Amino acid sequence: MQSPPRSLPARFVCGGSLVPILIVVAALALSTAIFFLFTKKKMLAQQDAAAPVVAEAKPAAPDKKPAKDAPSTPPAPVTPPKPAPPVPAPAPVAFGFARPLDLGKQLVRSLATGDFATAGKLAASADAAQSDSAAKLFEKLAGMGFKPGTEDQVEFLGLVENRTRIAVPFTKPGTNETVRIQLDLERDERMGWKIAKATLPKAMSSAIAALPAMIVPSAAGTPPPAPGTLAPAAPMKQLFTVEDGTDALAFASDFVRLLLKHDFAAARAFVDDAKVPVERLVGLCIVFEEGQYALNTSKPLIVTIANPEVSWVIAQVQSETLQQNTEFGVELKRGDIAQPWKVVGLNLSDILGSFAKNASKLGVPYTPIVKNPKGGESLALYFEYDRAELHPRALKQLEVISALMRSDPSKKLRIAGHTDEKGRDDYNVGLSHDRAEAVKKQLVTLGVPTDQVVTTALGKAQPLSPNKKSDGTDDPEGRSHNRRAEIYLDF
């Protein structure tokens, strides 16, 4: 008999094990527990933190029935915010000049039209408190008859210390004489060029004397005055002054301008004759005449040393004819500050070198001032080889010298003729005589009396340069320096 089939254990129901099912159920239970224990608490905390923000954004409505016992509190008054103080607008810039001469030209235009108020503001642009006084000064000058020059007459004088100086011309009343107001300018990054000091000529001194005295508050840091007393006041720094002859740049400027005008007699009054040979001064006049020099328009004069008793000034000049820019030095000295300046030195090496270089292209040297072999300096005229005719350059030189001689008939000059070593001695003596006489003849033609001129013939006896090189060969350039006539001024 067949036995009935046995029932399978529960773990084998549905053909698989129950273990995986139990693991899944346990994992779900564990996740649920973690959610309620940790994650939900964190979410609630975040909601609590966000609740004040919502409350601030949307406040809850007040209860409709406040408690009877609670006293009513009026709402605090709302204080409106204070308006921000207005930002002050920057002070308008009245003037702004990129170049010093622009300021001078604008001043001339204002004075020419009688706009003294604007002229005063221009003059006192560095100190507006003095603009009214400056306007009154210009009005006073106009009433005295001083007339401003034209814009193109405004001049750039030079540089001294940290300032740039320009000059504004005026015509003196009832004359054609020109005087200048000198303006010392400083550069302001905001305003451009402004006037720091104005120096008037002595002819205008009565106008500046009429200006009212001006005062300014005492400097910052001064202790306050005692009760019932006035604050001390200090004199305002004077904008306008009168020239007193102590300014080195002004003195040098006047001296150089006289030389450029070939006014030797007036220029000589600036010079110490014991220190500067008259030949050197005449030679400089000759250079200016020949080269048609003028002061450099950008930096004409530069004070390099400015001491109370010694000053050095560099004069920069230019010649359109020669296409040259060169310079020379002027040394000034005085015993003390109470004495006037005198020119005690002229350094002409640069300007004479430029001339010599230019003349060498023509085959004839041109160094108008030479060291005499026996000492001192003399004026030199040069000649072609074996010739006694005057070179066109020599004619120019003699025009300057003749004007000097005519101004003082008591003066005399000596002319010495020279040759190079080529030729016989007797021939060279005769040639040097002809050269000296040619110079004398031209001076007499130009109006110099015959008895003011003395000539001598020296042949080849006193060469300026070697006639031969060190190796014994001929030196054409050295011989060209020796074919000359030298002029000694007996002053």
Foldseek 3Di string as FASTA:
>chain_A
DDDDDDDDDPLCPPNHGCVVVVVVVVVVVVVVVCCVPPVVVVVVVVVVVCVVVVCVVPPDDDDPDDDPPDDDDDDDDDDDDDDDDDDDDDDDQPAADQDPLVLLQVLLVCLQVLVLLVNLCQQCVVPNVCSVLSSQLSVVCVVQPKHWDHSVPWAFLADDDQWTKIWTWIAHHPDRDIFTWIFTWHQDPVRGIGTQAIEGEPVSVVSVVPGDWDWDFDDPPDDDDDPPDDGDIDGDDDRYHYDDQQDPSVLVSVLVVCLLVLVLVVNCVQADCVQDPSLVSLLSSLLSQVQVKDFDRPGQKYWPDDDSFKTKIKGWIAGPVQRDIWIKMWIWGDPGNVDHIHTRDIGCVTSQVSQQVSCVVVVAGDRQWDAFPVGDIWGKFFDDAPDQAGDPSVLSSLLSVLVVCVVPVVKAKEKEFEAAPPDDQVSQQVSRQSNRVNSLVSSVVSPRDSVRYHYHGDGHPGFPFDQADPVGHGDSVSRRRGRIMTMDIPD
